[in-house]
Amino acid sequence: MLVIPATSIGLGRLFQTNDDVTRKALDVIAANPDKQFMFALLGYIGILTIVPAFLAAARCGRQRGTPGRSSGCRCSRAART
């Protein structure tokens, strides 16, 4: 869960259009709309998953830092084995 937002945003950068010259960027977008759709889709996935990933990381960190408390978090169980 934690790697999904970073991976989708990082992959989205591969589909980003160079927008130094507006007219040229619009021509590139018109010539290949699938590239822009993929950029928007990966950005959307990143935005939707970044808050749950942050909350999961905070929960795992909080539970891992409490000694003597049984943890229901998957990441702390994996760290113990």
Protein backbone atom coordinates (compact mmCIF):
# COMPACT_ATOMS: atom_id res chain seq x y z
CA MET A 1 0.00 0.00 0.00
CA LEU A 2 2.83 2.39 0.78
CA VAL A 3 4.53 2.16 -2.62
CA ILE A 4 1.45 2.66 -4.80
CA PRO A 5 1.26 6.49 -4.66
CA ALA A 6 4.98 7.02 -5.19
CA THR A 7 5.14 4.48 -8.01
CA SER A 8 2.12 5.84 -9.86
CA ILE A 9 3.32 9.44 -9.60
CA GLY A 10 6.84 8.42 -10.63
CA LEU A 11 5.55 6.49 -13.64
CA GLY A 12 3.29 9.41 -14.51
CA ARG A 13 6.36 11.60 -14.92
CA LEU A 14 7.34 9.41 -17.89
CA PHE A 15 4.15 10.49 -19.68
CA GLN A 16 4.43 14.18 -18.88
CA THR A 17 4.53 16.58 -21.83
CA ASN A 18 7.23 19.23 -22.03
CA ASP A 19 5.31 22.50 -21.85
CA ASP A 20 8.07 25.05 -22.47
CA VAL A 21 6.39 26.14 -25.70
CA THR A 22 2.60 26.12 -25.35
CA ARG A 23 1.80 25.69 -29.04
CA LYS A 24 4.20 22.77 -29.39
CA ALA A 25 2.80 21.12 -26.23
CA LEU A 26 -0.76 21.42 -27.55
CA ASP A 27 0.31 19.84 -30.85
CA VAL A 28 1.92 16.91 -28.96
CA ILE A 29 -1.22 16.44 -26.86
CA ALA A 30 -3.45 16.50 -29.96
CA ALA A 31 -1.21 13.98 -31.72
CA ASN A 32 -1.15 11.51 -28.81
CA PRO A 33 -4.10 11.84 -26.41
CA ASP A 34 -3.48 8.37 -24.93
CA LYS A 35 -0.22 9.62 -23.44
CA GLN A 36 -2.03 12.44 -21.64
CA PHE A 37 -4.80 10.10 -20.50
CA MET A 38 -2.19 7.79 -18.95
CA PHE A 39 -0.54 10.78 -17.23
CA ALA A 40 -3.90 11.90 -15.80
CA LEU A 41 -4.86 8.35 -14.76
CA LEU A 42 -1.59 7.69 -12.91
CA GLY A 43 -1.83 11.07 -11.19
CA TYR A 44 -5.41 10.30 -10.15
CA ILE A 45 -4.36 6.94 -8.70
CA GLY A 46 -1.53 8.62 -6.82
CA ILE A 47 -3.82 11.26 -5.36
CA LEU A 48 -6.45 8.70 -4.30
CA THR A 49 -3.94 6.43 -2.58
CA ILE A 50 -1.58 8.90 -0.90
CA VAL A 51 -3.83 9.64 2.11
CA PRO A 52 -4.56 5.96 2.95
CA ALA A 53 -0.86 5.16 2.53
CA PHE A 54 0.10 7.99 4.88
CA LEU A 55 -2.45 6.84 7.46
CA ALA A 56 -1.24 3.22 7.19
CA ALA A 57 2.38 4.32 7.69
CA ALA A 58 1.40 6.43 10.71
CA ARG A 59 -0.55 3.53 12.21
CA CYS A 60 2.32 1.08 11.72
CA GLY A 61 4.82 3.54 13.15
CA ARG A 62 2.69 4.27 16.18
CA GLN A 63 2.05 0.58 16.92
CA ARG A 64 5.65 -0.44 16.36
CA GLY A 65 6.87 2.22 18.80
CA THR A 66 4.70 1.00 21.70
CA PRO A 67 6.53 -1.75 23.63
CA GLY A 68 4.52 -4.66 25.02
CA ARG A 69 1.45 -3.95 22.92
CA SER A 70 0.15 -6.63 20.57
CA SER A 71 -0.06 -5.21 17.12
CA GLY A 72 -2.60 -5.87 14.42
CA CYS A 73 -0.52 -4.07 11.83
CA ARG A 74 0.95 -6.15 9.02
CA CYS A 75 4.17 -4.17 8.73
CA SER A 76 5.12 -4.69 12.39
CA ARG A 77 4.53 -8.43 12.14
CA ALA A 78 6.80 -8.61 9.09
CA ALA A 79 9.49 -6.64 10.92
CA ARG A 80 9.54 -9.14 13.80
CA THR A 81 10.08 -12.20 11.60
